Protein backbone atom coordinates (compact mmCIF):
# COMPACT_ATOMS: atom_id res chain seq x y z
CA UNK A 1 121.84 101.91 36.72
CA UNK A 2 121.33 98.17 37.25
CA UNK A 3 118.89 98.85 40.12
CA UNK A 4 117.20 101.88 38.59
CA UNK A 5 114.39 99.72 37.25
CA UNK A 6 113.38 98.88 40.83
CA UNK A 7 113.12 102.53 41.87
CA UNK A 8 109.88 104.46 41.83
CA UNK A 9 109.87 107.12 39.19
CA UNK A 10 108.27 109.72 41.49
CA UNK A 11 109.29 108.79 45.07
CA UNK A 12 107.36 110.02 48.12
CA UNK A 13 108.76 112.94 50.12
CA UNK A 14 111.64 111.78 52.30
CA UNK A 15 112.28 108.69 50.17
CA UNK A 16 115.54 108.69 48.24
CA UNK A 17 118.19 106.37 46.84
CA UNK A 18 121.92 106.54 47.47
CA UNK A 19 124.84 104.20 46.96
CA UNK A 20 126.20 102.08 49.82
CA UNK A 21 129.54 103.88 49.63
CA UNK A 22 127.83 107.23 50.16
CA UNK A 23 125.71 105.78 53.01
CA UNK A 24 128.67 104.62 55.10
CA UNK A 25 130.51 107.82 54.29
CA UNK A 26 127.70 110.10 55.52
CA UNK A 27 126.15 108.09 58.41
CA UNK A 28 127.51 106.07 61.34
CA UNK A 29 124.21 104.72 62.76
CA UNK A 30 121.23 103.15 61.09
CA UNK A 31 117.81 102.86 62.75
CA UNK A 32 115.31 100.42 61.27
CA UNK A 33 111.76 101.50 62.00
CA UNK A 34 109.05 98.90 62.22
CA UNK A 35 105.89 99.91 60.44
CA UNK A 36 102.80 98.35 61.98
CA UNK A 37 99.63 97.53 60.07
CA UNK A 38 96.96 100.21 60.08
CA UNK A 39 94.54 98.02 62.02
CA UNK A 40 96.92 97.66 64.98
CA UNK A 41 96.26 99.56 68.23
CA UNK A 42 98.62 102.10 69.74
CA UNK A 43 98.89 103.28 73.37
CA UNK A 44 101.31 105.87 74.70
CA UNK A 45 101.98 106.74 78.37
CA UNK A 46 104.50 109.23 79.73
CA UNK A 47 106.21 108.38 82.99
CA UNK A 48 109.56 108.72 84.72
CA UNK A 49 111.97 107.19 87.17
CA UNK A 50 112.15 109.57 90.12
CA UNK A 51 114.07 109.59 93.38
CA UNK A 52 111.30 107.53 94.95
CA UNK A 53 110.76 105.18 91.99
CA UNK A 54 114.33 104.29 90.97
CA UNK A 55 113.99 100.69 92.06
CA UNK A 56 116.96 99.35 90.17
CA UNK A 57 117.36 95.91 88.62
CA UNK A 58 115.81 92.63 89.77
CA UNK A 59 118.76 91.92 92.05
CA UNK A 60 118.10 95.12 94.02
CA UNK A 61 115.79 94.83 97.06
CA UNK A 62 113.91 97.96 95.94
CA UNK A 63 113.06 96.64 92.45
CA UNK A 64 109.33 96.80 93.26
CA UNK A 65 109.52 100.62 93.45
CA UNK A 66 109.94 100.94 89.67
CA UNK A 67 106.93 102.28 87.76
CA UNK A 68 104.49 99.45 87.03
CA UNK A 69 101.64 99.11 84.57
CA UNK A 70 98.86 96.55 84.71
CA UNK A 71 97.44 95.30 81.42
CA UNK A 72 95.06 92.67 80.10
CA UNK A 73 93.61 91.68 76.74
CA UNK A 74 90.07 90.44 75.97
CA UNK A 75 91.49 88.11 73.31
CA UNK A 76 94.89 86.69 72.49
CA UNK A 77 97.08 89.42 70.99
CA UNK A 78 100.64 90.11 69.98
CA UNK A 79 101.97 93.17 71.80
CA UNK A 80 105.15 95.13 71.14
CA UNK A 81 106.23 97.11 74.22
CA UNK A 82 108.73 99.93 73.85
CA UNK A 83 110.39 102.12 76.48
CA UNK A 84 111.88 105.24 74.91
CA UNK A 85 114.03 107.86 76.62
CA UNK A 86 114.40 111.41 75.41
CA UNK A 87 117.22 111.96 72.95
CA UNK A 88 119.82 114.15 74.63
CA UNK A 89 120.52 115.84 71.33
CA UNK A 90 117.08 117.41 71.32
CA UNK A 91 117.25 121.08 72.26
CA UNK A 92 116.59 121.69 75.95
CA UNK A 93 117.29 118.07 76.93
CA UNK A 94 120.57 117.64 78.75
CA UNK A 95 119.98 114.08 79.92
CA UNK A 96 122.22 111.07 79.63
CA UNK A 97 120.67 107.82 78.54
CA UNK A 98 120.29 105.28 81.33
CA UNK A 99 120.66 101.54 80.77
CA UNK A 100 116.96 100.62 80.60
CA UNK A 101 115.21 97.27 80.52
CA UNK A 102 111.69 95.82 80.47
CA UNK A 103 110.21 92.92 82.41
CA UNK A 104 106.75 91.55 81.62
CA UNK A 105 105.24 89.36 84.32
CA UNK A 106 101.96 87.53 84.73
CA UNK A 107 99.95 87.20 87.92
CA UNK A 108 99.29 83.77 89.31
CA UNK A 109 96.02 82.27 88.17
CA UNK A 110 93.08 83.53 90.18
CA UNK A 111 95.03 86.33 91.86
CA UNK A 112 94.75 90.08 91.46
CA UNK A 113 97.87 91.55 93.10
CA UNK A 114 98.07 95.28 93.61
CA UNK A 115 101.59 95.22 92.18
CA UNK A 116 104.45 92.83 91.58
CA UNK A 117 106.72 92.86 94.61
CA UNK A 118 109.42 90.53 93.34
CA UNK A 119 110.36 88.38 90.37
CA UNK A 120 109.51 84.76 91.06
CA UNK A 121 110.06 81.64 89.03
CA UNK A 122 107.39 81.08 86.39
CA UNK A 123 105.98 84.62 86.32
CA UNK A 124 108.28 86.24 83.73
CA UNK A 125 106.81 86.01 80.21
CA UNK A 126 109.20 88.40 78.42
CA UNK A 127 112.28 90.38 79.30
CA UNK A 128 114.73 92.81 77.79
CA UNK A 129 117.88 93.31 79.84
CA UNK A 130 119.16 96.87 80.31
CA UNK A 131 120.70 98.57 77.28
CA UNK A 132 122.07 102.09 77.07
CA UNK A 133 119.95 103.00 74.06
CA UNK A 134 117.34 105.57 73.15
CA UNK A 135 114.67 102.88 73.22
CA UNK A 136 114.35 99.22 74.10
CA UNK A 137 111.51 96.94 73.16
CA UNK A 138 110.13 93.45 73.69
CA UNK A 139 107.52 91.46 71.78
CA UNK A 140 105.20 89.18 73.72
CA UNK A 141 102.08 87.09 73.10
CA UNK A 142 99.35 87.87 75.65
CA UNK A 143 96.28 85.78 76.40
CA UNK A 144 92.84 86.52 77.78
CA UNK A 145 91.90 85.79 81.40
CA UNK A 146 95.43 86.59 82.53
CA UNK A 147 96.66 89.69 84.29
CA UNK A 148 100.03 91.06 83.18
CA UNK A 149 102.40 93.66 84.60
CA UNK A 150 104.96 95.72 82.68
CA UNK A 151 107.90 96.99 84.73
CA UNK A 152 110.33 99.39 83.01
CA UNK A 153 113.51 99.65 85.05
CA UNK A 154 117.09 100.85 84.95
CA UNK A 155 120.26 99.50 86.48
CA UNK A 156 120.50 102.54 88.77
CA UNK A 157 118.77 103.14 92.10
CA UNK A 158 119.79 106.81 92.31
CA UNK A 159 119.50 108.36 88.82
CA UNK A 160 116.11 109.30 87.44
CA UNK A 161 114.90 110.11 83.95
CA UNK A 162 111.64 110.55 82.02
CA UNK A 163 110.52 107.89 79.57
CA UNK A 164 107.65 107.05 77.27
CA UNK A 165 105.93 103.68 77.30
CA UNK A 166 104.38 102.68 73.98
CA UNK A 167 102.31 99.62 73.22
CA UNK A 168 101.50 98.37 69.71
CA UNK A 169 99.08 95.47 69.66
CA UNK A 170 97.17 93.36 67.17
CA UNK A 171 94.10 93.54 69.43
CA UNK A 172 92.57 95.69 72.12
CA UNK A 173 94.74 96.20 75.22
CA UNK A 174 93.59 97.65 78.53
CA UNK A 175 96.40 99.48 80.33
CA UNK A 176 96.34 100.85 83.88
CA UNK A 177 99.05 102.66 85.79
CA UNK A 178 99.76 101.11 89.21
CA UNK A 179 99.56 103.82 91.91
CA UNK A 180 102.83 104.63 93.73
CA UNK A 181 103.46 103.35 97.23
CA UNK A 182 103.53 105.34 100.44
CA UNK A 183 106.78 105.26 102.38
CA UNK A 184 107.55 105.65 106.07
CA UNK A 185 111.12 105.71 107.37
CA UNK A 186 112.47 105.42 110.91
CA UNK A 187 116.03 105.32 112.14
CA UNK A 188 117.11 103.26 115.12
CA UNK A 189 120.12 101.84 116.90
CA UNK A 190 121.33 98.62 118.45
CA UNK A 191 123.35 99.13 121.61
CA UNK A 192 124.95 96.99 124.28
CA UNK A 193 121.56 96.93 126.02
CA UNK A 194 119.23 96.69 123.00
CA UNK A 195 121.34 94.48 120.74
CA UNK A 196 119.50 91.27 121.52
CA UNK A 197 120.98 89.12 118.79
CA UNK A 198 119.26 86.76 116.33
CA UNK A 199 116.27 84.47 116.63
CA UNK A 200 116.93 81.80 119.24
CA UNK A 201 119.09 84.04 121.40
CA UNK A 202 117.84 84.29 125.01
CA UNK A 203 118.05 88.09 124.73
CA UNK A 204 116.33 88.30 121.34
CA UNK A 205 113.40 90.34 122.65
CA UNK A 206 115.74 93.05 123.90
CA UNK A 207 116.04 94.21 120.29
CA UNK A 208 114.25 97.44 119.31
CA UNK A 209 110.58 96.87 118.50
CA UNK A 210 108.12 98.96 116.49
CA UNK A 211 104.36 98.77 116.22
CA UNK A 212 102.94 99.35 112.73
CA UNK A 213 99.30 100.28 112.24
CA UNK A 214 97.54 100.19 108.87
CA UNK A 215 95.28 103.22 108.82
CA UNK A 216 91.84 103.51 107.25
CA UNK A 217 91.35 106.20 104.64
CA UNK A 218 88.59 108.74 105.24
CA UNK A 219 86.71 108.00 102.02
CA UNK A 220 86.67 104.31 102.85
CA UNK A 221 85.32 105.10 106.32
CA UNK A 222 82.48 107.09 104.84
CA UNK A 223 81.63 104.34 102.39
CA UNK A 224 81.93 101.68 105.11
CA UNK A 225 83.87 99.50 102.69
CA UNK A 226 84.77 96.01 103.84
CA UNK A 227 88.20 95.35 105.26
CA UNK A 228 90.80 93.99 102.89
CA UNK A 229 94.25 92.49 103.06
CA UNK A 230 97.17 94.69 102.14
CA UNK A 231 100.84 94.00 101.59
CA UNK A 232 103.43 95.92 103.54
CA UNK A 233 107.02 95.66 102.37
CA UNK A 234 109.70 96.22 105.02
CA UNK A 235 113.34 96.93 104.27
CA UNK A 236 116.01 96.96 106.97
CA UNK A 237 119.31 98.61 106.11
CA UNK A 238 122.26 98.45 108.45
CA UNK A 239 123.76 101.92 108.33
CA UNK A 240 127.45 102.64 107.92
CA UNK A 241 128.64 103.54 111.40
CA UNK A 242 131.45 105.86 112.36
CA UNK A 243 134.12 103.14 112.28
CA UNK A 244 133.16 102.01 108.79
CA UNK A 245 132.98 105.59 107.55
CA UNK A 246 136.48 106.25 108.84
CA UNK A 247 137.85 103.13 107.27
CA UNK A 248 136.40 103.96 103.87
CA UNK A 249 137.44 107.61 103.85
CA UNK A 250 140.81 107.73 105.58
CA UNK A 251 142.70 104.48 105.90
CA UNK A 252 142.20 100.83 105.12
CA UNK A 253 144.08 99.93 108.31
CA UNK A 254 141.06 100.87 110.41
CA UNK A 255 139.00 98.18 108.73
CA UNK A 256 141.57 95.59 109.73
CA UNK A 257 141.38 96.77 113.36
CA UNK A 258 137.58 96.53 113.45
CA UNK A 259 136.15 93.60 115.43
CA UNK A 260 135.61 90.65 113.14
CA UNK A 261 132.22 89.86 114.71
CA UNK A 262 131.07 93.38 113.85
CA UNK A 263 132.14 93.09 110.22
CA UNK A 264 130.47 89.69 109.76
CA UNK A 265 127.19 90.60 111.46
CA UNK A 266 124.14 90.08 109.27
CA UNK A 267 120.73 91.66 109.82
CA UNK A 268 117.24 90.23 109.82
CA UNK A 269 113.58 91.04 110.43
CA UNK A 270 110.79 89.36 112.38
CA UNK A 271 107.11 90.29 112.39
CA UNK A 272 104.54 89.30 115.00
CA UNK A 273 100.88 90.21 115.36
CA UNK A 274 100.14 92.60 118.20
CA UNK A 275 100.62 96.17 119.29
CA UNK A 276 102.70 95.93 122.45
CA UNK A 277 106.23 94.77 123.19
CA UNK A 278 106.77 91.09 122.44
CA UNK A 279 108.77 89.14 125.00
CA UNK A 280 108.05 85.67 123.64
CA UNK A 281 106.83 84.10 120.39
CA UNK A 282 103.52 82.30 120.77
CA UNK A 283 103.58 79.79 117.92
CA UNK A 284 100.17 80.77 116.58
CA UNK A 285 101.08 84.46 116.41
CA UNK A 286 104.49 84.20 114.78
CA UNK A 287 104.17 85.52 111.25
CA UNK A 288 107.37 85.44 109.30
CA UNK A 289 111.09 86.05 109.39
CA UNK A 290 113.43 87.36 106.72
CA UNK A 291 116.25 85.54 105.01
CA UNK A 292 119.62 86.75 103.80
CA UNK A 293 119.00 86.88 100.05
CA UNK A 294 120.13 90.52 99.85
CA UNK A 295 123.43 90.25 101.72
CA UNK A 296 124.44 90.97 105.27
CA UNK A 297 123.46 94.64 105.50
CA UNK A 298 119.97 94.48 103.99
CA UNK A 299 116.97 92.41 105.07
CA UNK A 300 113.63 92.37 103.27
CA UNK A 301 110.32 91.02 104.49
CA UNK A 302 106.74 91.24 103.25
CA UNK A 303 103.69 90.76 105.43
CA UNK A 304 99.98 90.78 104.70
CA UNK A 305 97.65 92.55 107.09
CA UNK A 306 94.16 93.95 107.27
CA UNK A 307 93.11 97.57 107.46
CA UNK A 308 92.98 98.90 111.03
CA UNK A 309 95.20 96.03 112.17
CA UNK A 310 98.65 96.23 113.74
CA UNK A 311 101.82 94.19 113.94
CA UNK A 312 105.20 94.42 115.64
CA UNK A 313 108.47 94.64 113.67
CA UNK A 314 111.68 93.44 115.32
CA UNK A 315 114.97 94.30 113.53
CA UNK A 316 117.88 92.16 114.70
CA UNK A 317 121.54 91.50 114.06
CA UNK A 318 123.31 88.14 114.26
CA UNK A 319 125.89 89.46 116.74
CA UNK A 320 124.37 90.67 120.03
CA UNK A 321 125.47 93.69 122.06
CA UNK A 322 127.06 95.50 119.12
CA UNK A 323 126.52 99.23 118.59
CA UNK A 324 125.18 99.94 115.11
CA UNK A 325 122.59 102.17 113.45
CA UNK A 326 119.85 100.97 111.12
CA UNK A 327 117.05 102.33 108.95
CA UNK A 328 113.59 100.81 108.56
CA UNK A 329 111.66 101.64 105.37
CA UNK A 330 108.01 100.59 105.11
CA UNK A 331 106.20 100.62 101.77
CA UNK A 332 102.45 100.17 101.49
CA UNK A 333 99.45 101.09 99.36
CA UNK A 334 97.72 102.30 102.51
CA UNK A 335 98.94 104.89 104.94
CA UNK A 336 100.76 103.27 107.82
CA UNK A 337 101.88 104.62 111.15
CA UNK A 338 104.97 103.33 112.92
CA UNK A 339 105.84 103.99 116.56
CA UNK A 340 108.73 102.77 118.65
CA UNK A 341 107.72 100.57 121.55
CA UNK A 342 109.42 101.47 124.86
CA UNK A 343 112.32 99.21 125.71
CA UNK A 344 111.64 96.13 127.78
CA UNK A 345 111.40 96.42 131.55
CA UNK A 346 113.95 94.09 133.08
CA UNK A 347 114.46 93.26 136.74
CA UNK A 348 116.75 90.61 138.16
CA UNK A 349 117.66 89.37 141.61
CA UNK A 350 120.15 86.84 142.89
CA UNK A 351 119.36 84.34 145.59
CA UNK A 352 120.52 81.13 147.16
CA UNK A 353 119.04 77.86 148.33
CA UNK A 354 120.67 76.86 151.61
CA UNK A 355 119.62 75.13 154.78
CA UNK A 356 115.87 75.13 155.23
CA UNK A 357 115.32 77.27 152.10
CA UNK A 358 116.60 74.39 149.93
CA UNK A 359 113.11 72.90 150.25
CA UNK A 360 112.60 71.34 146.81
CA UNK A 361 109.46 71.22 144.67
CA UNK A 362 105.83 71.18 145.83
CA UNK A 363 106.10 67.41 146.23
CA UNK A 364 107.96 68.12 149.48
CA UNK A 365 105.99 69.19 152.56
CA UNK A 366 108.42 72.04 153.27
CA UNK A 367 108.31 73.55 149.76
CA UNK A 368 107.05 76.94 151.03
CA UNK A 369 110.41 77.43 152.76
CA UNK A 370 111.99 78.16 149.37
CA UNK A 371 112.94 81.79 148.65
CA UNK A 372 109.88 83.90 147.84
CA UNK A 373 109.60 86.99 145.66
CA UNK A 374 106.69 89.42 145.28
CA UNK A 375 105.88 90.57 141.75
CA UNK A 376 103.69 93.65 141.32
CA UNK A 377 102.03 94.75 138.08
CA UNK A 378 100.43 98.02 139.20
CA UNK A 379 97.45 99.50 137.38
CA UNK A 380 96.69 101.30 135.21
CA UNK A 381 98.38 99.98 132.06
CA UNK A 382 97.83 100.94 128.45
CA UNK A 383 98.36 97.46 127.03
CA UNK A 384 97.88 93.83 127.94
CA UNK A 385 100.69 92.80 130.30
CA UNK A 386 103.12 90.18 129.08
CA UNK A 387 105.63 88.92 131.62
CA UNK A 388 108.40 86.36 131.23
CA UNK A 389 110.32 84.86 134.16
CA UNK A 390 113.70 83.15 133.71
CA UNK A 391 115.40 81.10 136.42
CA UNK A 392 119.01 80.02 135.94
CA UNK A 393 121.87 78.51 137.92
CA UNK A 394 124.47 80.78 139.54
CA UNK A 395 127.78 79.54 140.77
CA UNK A 396 129.34 76.11 140.70
CA UNK A 397 126.66 73.52 139.99
CA UNK A 398 128.54 71.21 137.62
CA UNK A 399 129.61 68.65 140.20
CA UNK A 400 126.24 68.60 141.94
CA UNK A 401 124.34 68.19 138.66
CA UNK A 402 126.67 65.41 137.60
CA UNK A 403 126.00 63.47 140.83
CA UNK A 404 122.22 64.03 140.84
CA UNK A 405 120.93 65.48 137.53
CA UNK A 406 117.29 64.82 138.43
CA UNK A 407 117.32 66.25 141.93
CA UNK A 408 119.22 69.37 140.80
CA UNK A 409 116.68 70.29 138.14
CA UNK A 410 115.26 73.78 138.72
CA UNK A 411 111.78 75.25 138.31
CA UNK A 412 109.75 78.27 139.30
CA UNK A 413 106.15 78.63 140.47
CA UNK A 414 103.93 81.67 140.03
CA UNK A 415 100.97 81.94 142.43
CA UNK A 416 98.31 84.47 143.15
CA UNK A 417 98.76 85.75 146.68
CA UNK A 418 95.94 84.77 149.05
CA UNK A 419 93.35 87.32 150.12
CA UNK A 420 95.00 87.45 153.53
CA UNK A 421 97.81 89.43 151.94
CA UNK A 422 95.38 92.21 151.04
CA UNK A 423 94.10 92.21 154.59
CA UNK A 424 97.56 93.34 155.72
CA UNK A 425 96.73 96.71 154.16
CA UNK A 426 99.60 96.37 151.74
CA UNK A 427 99.76 99.56 149.67
CA UNK A 428 100.71 99.99 146.04
CA UNK A 429 104.53 99.68 145.88
CA UNK A 430 106.42 102.84 145.21
CA UNK A 431 108.07 105.64 147.17
CA UNK A 432 107.60 105.05 150.86
CA UNK A 433 106.78 101.35 150.52
CA UNK A 434 106.55 99.52 153.80
CA UNK A 435 109.12 96.81 153.27
CA UNK A 436 108.26 95.28 156.61
CA UNK A 437 104.92 94.28 155.10
CA UNK A 438 106.65 91.96 152.63
CA UNK A 439 106.86 88.99 154.95
CA UNK A 440 107.08 85.43 153.80
CA UNK A 441 103.84 83.54 153.33
CA UNK A 442 103.26 80.26 155.07
CA UNK A 443 101.81 78.26 152.22
CA UNK A 444 99.84 75.08 152.59
CA UNK A 445 99.76 72.25 150.11
CA UNK A 446 96.38 73.52 148.95
CA UNK A 447 97.91 76.86 147.99
CA UNK A 448 99.71 75.06 145.18
CA UNK A 449 96.35 74.73 143.44
CA UNK A 450 96.19 78.52 143.06
CA UNK A 451 99.31 78.56 140.91
CA UNK A 452 99.07 80.44 137.65
CA UNK A 453 101.81 78.46 135.99
CA UNK A 454 104.79 76.31 136.89
CA UNK A 455 107.71 75.00 134.92
CA UNK A 456 108.29 71.49 133.74
CA UNK A 457 111.41 70.32 135.52
CA UNK A 458 114.04 69.45 132.93
CA UNK A 459 117.86 69.24 133.19
CA UNK A 460 118.51 72.53 131.38
CA UNK A 461 120.73 75.45 132.35
CA UNK A 462 117.69 77.70 132.71
CA UNK A 463 113.88 77.51 132.69
CA UNK A 464 111.34 80.05 131.47
CA UNK A 465 107.68 80.66 132.28
CA UNK A 466 105.35 83.11 130.53
CA UNK A 467 102.77 84.86 132.68
CA UNK A 468 100.41 85.68 129.82
CA UNK A 469 97.36 85.58 132.14
CA UNK A 470 98.71 88.12 134.59
CA UNK A 471 96.51 91.13 135.29
CA UNK A 472 97.31 94.58 136.73
CA UNK A 473 96.40 94.62 140.39
CA UNK A 474 97.39 96.02 143.77
CA UNK A 475 97.43 92.39 144.82
CA UNK A 476 100.87 90.95 144.13
CA UNK A 477 101.89 87.65 142.65
CA UNK A 478 104.29 85.27 144.32
CA UNK A 479 107.30 83.72 142.57
CA UNK A 480 108.92 80.66 144.17
CA UNK A 481 112.14 79.28 142.60
CA UNK A 482 112.94 75.71 143.61
CA UNK A 483 115.04 72.66 142.88
CA UNK A 484 113.30 69.36 142.22
CA UNK A 485 114.61 67.66 145.37
CA UNK A 486 115.17 69.26 148.75
CA UNK A 487 118.61 69.74 150.24
CA UNK A 488 120.16 71.02 146.97
CA UNK A 489 122.10 74.12 148.00
CA UNK A 490 123.47 76.70 145.59
CA UNK A 491 122.93 80.08 143.97
CA UNK A 492 120.38 81.10 141.39
CA UNK A 493 119.42 84.13 139.32
CA UNK A 494 115.79 85.18 138.79
CA UNK A 495 115.06 87.57 135.92
CA UNK A 496 111.70 89.13 135.08
CA UNK A 497 111.09 91.05 131.85
CA UNK A 498 107.80 92.70 130.88
CA UNK A 499 106.21 95.10 128.48
CA UNK A 500 104.70 97.15 131.33
CA UNK A 501 105.92 98.66 134.58
CA UNK A 502 106.73 96.00 137.21
CA UNK A 503 108.18 95.77 140.72
CA UNK A 504 110.02 92.81 142.20
CA UNK A 505 110.82 92.42 145.91
CA UNK A 506 112.25 89.54 147.93
CA UNK A 507 110.11 88.47 150.88
CA UNK A 508 111.43 89.19 154.36
CA UNK A 509 112.66 86.29 156.43
CA UNK A 510 110.43 85.68 159.44
């Protein structure tokens, strides 16, 4: 009775008064609805988290897969953003509520990104962390001349659900759904031969390599639209191999017996411009390498490329020569094509400097007496040849190098064979090759001027030269490994790796 004077005599339909005691006796939840002014604007969009768009929370490497919405305002406005899931109590809806959240981000000034790929410092303007509720909301002040992105997400990367995105704003809001990404997946394996190890390892380029091509869409070809830069997101996942599966499903003792180096191996990604197998990193062409922000079994890397361009992806593991499977997932707004590049061609020979063949560098008159090797790059080839030659010590050199570190330095020369070699009617090497035609060449001092490349003599355990100017030809190239000073006897190993077919033969002694 004491509050009856505040009650309307003829209440509107659905409006009633009841005592607090009756309220708590009849109801266990109370929803407070916000009533917006009549002059506010209202937008409603239906969407869903699907198997391909359950990106998870910000800590998940696939967060960027969540549905995204781009919005802007012509004038400063207050916007209330709500993500509502369907009530499972509604007939025909047998769905559990997922813990849902909202992140509102702004693009950097002057940029127009296709989507937000990750959450960076300074770009989050409002956020509601996941709650297991029918709806979650966030209120944010938006300003003109700024591009914003709304990302509804859940804490799950496997469970999907429909939701409704509603926007209530004091001013006009322009909302646009960001198109979904295309996805390409390949599965590969590191083995004892293709597990090249991490960046900096001498066998790094033995790792599996894939060429990725960004394709042009037909409608863009017809319109002759200008080329544009596009982001390609690459995710590398180290798969659970048979040993790990056994340890997780049968016995914990197996995990203890697993090699420690295998358990502690982390994965990474490297990207280089090109379309053929990479056997060395030219500084100007190295793009980017991944970090370890997502743990040891997942690596993430983003690269920017132009339409109709290509780049090479190299997945690697910190421990070389370990058998393990992996999965590469590529996400892009454009259609991309990924192909595995054939494994590297690798040839190696062992030799020895002794007697007259320990002739030293070209500074010595007898330098052509050093061991000689013929290198063939036969035509035709489908890609630009890239050849790397590594010369290293073999055997006991420690005492010799300690006595004369300068004279024992090693190097290798690569020369184009003189025309006289062709005049011998040397045929393309292959079945039935005439090995007797591979005689040593008597080189003059002037022949040194025809060298393609030579090493800088330094006191290292090995030296490397890159034959990036080599061309396919029936005319061979000549490799001459030497020590800096003559009279330095000992063994050596000469290894040649290439992205095309090659042949390597030692010259006959004459």
